[in-house]
Amino acid sequence: ATLKAFFAEYGISLPTTVVSGASAPATTTGACALGVSIEQSLISLYDQQLANVTSYADVTRAFLALRSASAENHLPAFEVCS
């Protein structure tokens, strides 16, 4: 919601993510492996978007916080259980 508000305020196009054909993994290990893949994709998305918003300090801070949460918290947790 925060990013949507920033993007609307500055007239920046929202990045789109399309997931098709995804199904729930049958096991906890499978779910964790999927979590690893998703977090890695998100980190890549945040890196790409950071390059596009350098003139907006507040948007940059939001992306850095999201990237940090993914890289330092979410990804390691999924890696442990996968």
N, C-alpha and C. Protein backbone atom coordinates (compact mmCIF):
# COMPACT_ATOMS: atom_id res chain seq x y z
N ALA A 1 0.83 -1.19 0.00
CA ALA A 1 0.00 0.00 0.00
C ALA A 1 0.87 1.26 0.00
N THR A 2 1.98 1.20 0.75
CA THR A 2 2.88 2.36 0.80
C THR A 2 3.48 2.62 -0.57
N LEU A 3 3.94 1.57 -1.22
CA LEU A 3 4.53 1.75 -2.54
C LEU A 3 3.50 2.23 -3.56
N LYS A 4 2.29 1.70 -3.49
CA LYS A 4 1.24 2.15 -4.40
C LYS A 4 1.00 3.65 -4.23
N ALA A 5 0.97 4.12 -3.00
CA ALA A 5 0.76 5.55 -2.74
C ALA A 5 1.92 6.37 -3.31
N PHE A 6 3.15 5.93 -3.08
CA PHE A 6 4.31 6.65 -3.62
C PHE A 6 4.27 6.67 -5.14
N PHE A 7 4.00 5.52 -5.74
CA PHE A 7 3.99 5.44 -7.20
C PHE A 7 2.90 6.33 -7.78
N ALA A 8 1.73 6.36 -7.14
CA ALA A 8 0.65 7.23 -7.62
C ALA A 8 1.05 8.70 -7.47
N GLU A 9 1.65 9.04 -6.34
CA GLU A 9 2.06 10.43 -6.09
C GLU A 9 3.07 10.92 -7.12
N TYR A 10 4.01 10.07 -7.49
CA TYR A 10 5.07 10.47 -8.40
C TYR A 10 4.81 10.08 -9.85
N GLY A 11 3.68 9.44 -10.12
CA GLY A 11 3.36 9.05 -11.49
C GLY A 11 4.26 7.97 -12.04
N ILE A 12 4.71 7.06 -11.17
CA ILE A 12 5.58 5.96 -11.57
C ILE A 12 4.70 4.74 -11.83
N SER A 13 5.01 3.99 -12.88
CA SER A 13 4.26 2.77 -13.17
C SER A 13 4.61 1.69 -12.17
N LEU A 14 3.59 1.02 -11.67
CA LEU A 14 3.81 -0.10 -10.75
C LEU A 14 4.40 -1.28 -11.50
N PRO A 15 5.38 -1.96 -10.92
CA PRO A 15 5.86 -3.19 -11.55
C PRO A 15 4.78 -4.25 -11.47
N THR A 16 4.72 -5.09 -12.45
CA THR A 16 3.71 -6.15 -12.44
C THR A 16 4.38 -7.49 -12.25
N THR A 17 3.70 -8.34 -11.54
CA THR A 17 4.16 -9.70 -11.33
C THR A 17 3.02 -10.63 -11.70
N VAL A 18 3.31 -11.55 -12.58
CA VAL A 18 2.28 -12.48 -13.02
C VAL A 18 2.72 -13.89 -12.61
N VAL A 19 1.84 -14.56 -11.91
CA VAL A 19 2.09 -15.95 -11.54
C VAL A 19 0.97 -16.78 -12.14
N SER A 20 1.34 -17.73 -12.98
CA SER A 20 0.30 -18.59 -13.55
C SER A 20 0.70 -20.03 -13.39
N GLY A 21 -0.28 -20.85 -13.21
CA GLY A 21 -0.03 -22.26 -13.09
C GLY A 21 0.58 -22.69 -11.77
N ALA A 22 0.61 -21.80 -10.81
CA ALA A 22 1.19 -22.14 -9.51
C ALA A 22 0.20 -22.98 -8.72
N SER A 23 0.74 -23.95 -8.02
CA SER A 23 -0.10 -24.76 -7.14
C SER A 23 0.60 -24.90 -5.80
N ALA A 24 -0.17 -25.18 -4.79
CA ALA A 24 0.38 -25.32 -3.45
C ALA A 24 1.24 -26.57 -3.38
N PRO A 25 2.46 -26.43 -2.85
CA PRO A 25 3.31 -27.62 -2.69
C PRO A 25 2.67 -28.62 -1.73
N ALA A 26 2.96 -29.89 -1.94
CA ALA A 26 2.37 -30.96 -1.14
C ALA A 26 3.05 -31.15 0.21
N THR A 27 4.28 -30.63 0.34
CA THR A 27 5.02 -30.84 1.57
C THR A 27 5.52 -29.52 2.13
N THR A 28 5.89 -29.53 3.39
CA THR A 28 6.47 -28.34 4.01
C THR A 28 7.80 -28.00 3.35
N THR A 29 8.58 -29.00 3.06
CA THR A 29 9.86 -28.77 2.38
C THR A 29 9.64 -28.13 1.02
N GLY A 30 8.66 -28.60 0.30
CA GLY A 30 8.32 -28.01 -1.00
C GLY A 30 7.86 -26.58 -0.87
N ALA A 31 7.06 -26.31 0.16
CA ALA A 31 6.60 -24.94 0.39
C ALA A 31 7.77 -24.02 0.72
N CYS A 32 8.70 -24.53 1.51
CA CYS A 32 9.87 -23.73 1.86
C CYS A 32 10.75 -23.48 0.64
N ALA A 33 10.91 -24.48 -0.22
CA ALA A 33 11.68 -24.30 -1.45
C ALA A 33 11.03 -23.26 -2.35
N LEU A 34 9.70 -23.29 -2.43
CA LEU A 34 8.99 -22.27 -3.19
C LEU A 34 9.21 -20.90 -2.57
N GLY A 35 9.19 -20.83 -1.24
CA GLY A 35 9.46 -19.57 -0.55
C GLY A 35 10.84 -19.02 -0.88
N VAL A 36 11.84 -19.90 -0.96
CA VAL A 36 13.20 -19.48 -1.34
C VAL A 36 13.16 -18.85 -2.73
N SER A 37 12.52 -19.53 -3.66
CA SER A 37 12.45 -19.03 -5.04
C SER A 37 11.74 -17.68 -5.11
N ILE A 38 10.65 -17.55 -4.39
CA ILE A 38 9.89 -16.29 -4.41
C ILE A 38 10.71 -15.16 -3.81
N GLU A 39 11.36 -15.41 -2.67
CA GLU A 39 12.16 -14.35 -2.03
C GLU A 39 13.33 -13.94 -2.92
N GLN A 40 13.96 -14.90 -3.60
CA GLN A 40 15.04 -14.56 -4.53
C GLN A 40 14.51 -13.68 -5.66
N SER A 41 13.32 -14.00 -6.16
CA SER A 41 12.71 -13.18 -7.22
C SER A 41 12.38 -11.79 -6.71
N LEU A 42 11.89 -11.70 -5.49
CA LEU A 42 11.57 -10.40 -4.92
C LEU A 42 12.81 -9.54 -4.74
N ILE A 43 13.89 -10.14 -4.27
CA ILE A 43 15.14 -9.40 -4.10
C ILE A 43 15.60 -8.85 -5.45
N SER A 44 15.51 -9.66 -6.48
CA SER A 44 15.86 -9.21 -7.82
C SER A 44 14.95 -8.06 -8.28
N LEU A 45 13.66 -8.20 -8.03
CA LEU A 45 12.71 -7.14 -8.39
C LEU A 45 13.05 -5.84 -7.66
N TYR A 46 13.34 -5.94 -6.36
CA TYR A 46 13.69 -4.73 -5.59
C TYR A 46 14.96 -4.10 -6.14
N ASP A 47 15.96 -4.91 -6.49
CA ASP A 47 17.19 -4.37 -7.06
C ASP A 47 16.91 -3.63 -8.37
N GLN A 48 16.08 -4.22 -9.23
CA GLN A 48 15.74 -3.58 -10.50
C GLN A 48 15.01 -2.26 -10.26
N GLN A 49 14.06 -2.27 -9.35
CA GLN A 49 13.28 -1.07 -9.09
C GLN A 49 14.10 0.03 -8.42
N LEU A 50 15.04 -0.36 -7.57
CA LEU A 50 15.90 0.64 -6.93
C LEU A 50 16.64 1.47 -7.96
N ALA A 51 17.03 0.86 -9.04
CA ALA A 51 17.73 1.59 -10.10
C ALA A 51 16.83 2.61 -10.78
N ASN A 52 15.51 2.41 -10.69
CA ASN A 52 14.56 3.30 -11.37
C ASN A 52 14.04 4.44 -10.51
N VAL A 53 14.30 4.42 -9.22
CA VAL A 53 13.67 5.40 -8.33
C VAL A 53 14.69 6.23 -7.56
N THR A 54 15.90 6.34 -8.08
CA THR A 54 16.97 7.01 -7.34
C THR A 54 16.66 8.47 -7.00
N SER A 55 15.79 9.11 -7.74
CA SER A 55 15.49 10.52 -7.44
C SER A 55 14.36 10.67 -6.41
N TYR A 56 13.87 9.58 -5.87
CA TYR A 56 12.80 9.61 -4.87
C TYR A 56 13.30 8.92 -3.60
N ALA A 57 13.79 9.71 -2.66
CA ALA A 57 14.41 9.16 -1.44
C ALA A 57 13.43 8.30 -0.64
N ASP A 58 12.18 8.72 -0.54
CA ASP A 58 11.21 7.95 0.25
C ASP A 58 10.90 6.60 -0.39
N VAL A 59 10.82 6.57 -1.71
CA VAL A 59 10.56 5.31 -2.42
C VAL A 59 11.79 4.40 -2.29
N THR A 60 12.97 4.99 -2.42
CA THR A 60 14.20 4.22 -2.26
C THR A 60 14.26 3.58 -0.87
N ARG A 61 13.93 4.35 0.18
CA ARG A 61 13.94 3.80 1.53
C ARG A 61 12.96 2.64 1.67
N ALA A 62 11.78 2.78 1.08
CA ALA A 62 10.78 1.70 1.15
C ALA A 62 11.30 0.44 0.47
N PHE A 63 11.88 0.58 -0.74
CA PHE A 63 12.42 -0.59 -1.43
C PHE A 63 13.59 -1.21 -0.67
N LEU A 64 14.44 -0.37 -0.08
CA LEU A 64 15.56 -0.91 0.70
C LEU A 64 15.06 -1.68 1.92
N ALA A 65 14.02 -1.18 2.57
CA ALA A 65 13.46 -1.88 3.73
C ALA A 65 12.86 -3.22 3.31
N LEU A 66 12.14 -3.23 2.20
CA LEU A 66 11.56 -4.48 1.70
C LEU A 66 12.65 -5.47 1.30
N ARG A 67 13.68 -4.97 0.62
CA ARG A 67 14.78 -5.83 0.19
C ARG A 67 15.50 -6.42 1.40
N SER A 68 15.73 -5.59 2.38
CA SER A 68 16.40 -6.03 3.60
C SER A 68 15.59 -7.13 4.30
N ALA A 69 14.29 -6.92 4.42
CA ALA A 69 13.43 -7.94 5.07
C ALA A 69 13.50 -9.26 4.31
N SER A 70 13.46 -9.19 2.98
CA SER A 70 13.53 -10.41 2.18
C SER A 70 14.89 -11.09 2.32
N ALA A 71 15.96 -10.32 2.18
CA ALA A 71 17.31 -10.90 2.16
C ALA A 71 17.78 -11.35 3.54
N GLU A 72 17.42 -10.62 4.57
CA GLU A 72 17.97 -10.88 5.90
C GLU A 72 17.04 -11.70 6.80
N ASN A 73 15.76 -11.73 6.49
CA ASN A 73 14.80 -12.44 7.35
C ASN A 73 14.07 -13.57 6.62
N HIS A 74 13.34 -13.22 5.58
CA HIS A 74 12.48 -14.20 4.91
C HIS A 74 13.28 -15.29 4.22
N LEU A 75 14.24 -14.90 3.36
CA LEU A 75 15.02 -15.88 2.62
C LEU A 75 15.75 -16.85 3.54
N PRO A 76 16.47 -16.38 4.56
CA PRO A 76 17.14 -17.33 5.45
C PRO A 76 16.18 -18.28 6.16
N ALA A 77 15.01 -17.80 6.52
CA ALA A 77 14.03 -18.68 7.18
C ALA A 77 13.55 -19.78 6.23
N PHE A 78 13.27 -19.42 4.99
CA PHE A 78 12.86 -20.43 4.02
C PHE A 78 14.00 -21.39 3.70
N GLU A 79 15.24 -20.87 3.65
CA GLU A 79 16.38 -21.75 3.37
C GLU A 79 16.56 -22.79 4.46
N VAL A 80 16.33 -22.42 5.70
CA VAL A 80 16.49 -23.34 6.81
C VAL A 80 15.52 -24.50 6.70
N CYS A 81 14.29 -24.23 6.30
CA CYS A 81 13.29 -25.31 6.29
C CYS A 81 13.22 -26.05 4.97
N SER A 82 13.95 -25.57 3.95
CA SER A 82 13.88 -26.27 2.66
C SER A 82 14.92 -27.30 2.60
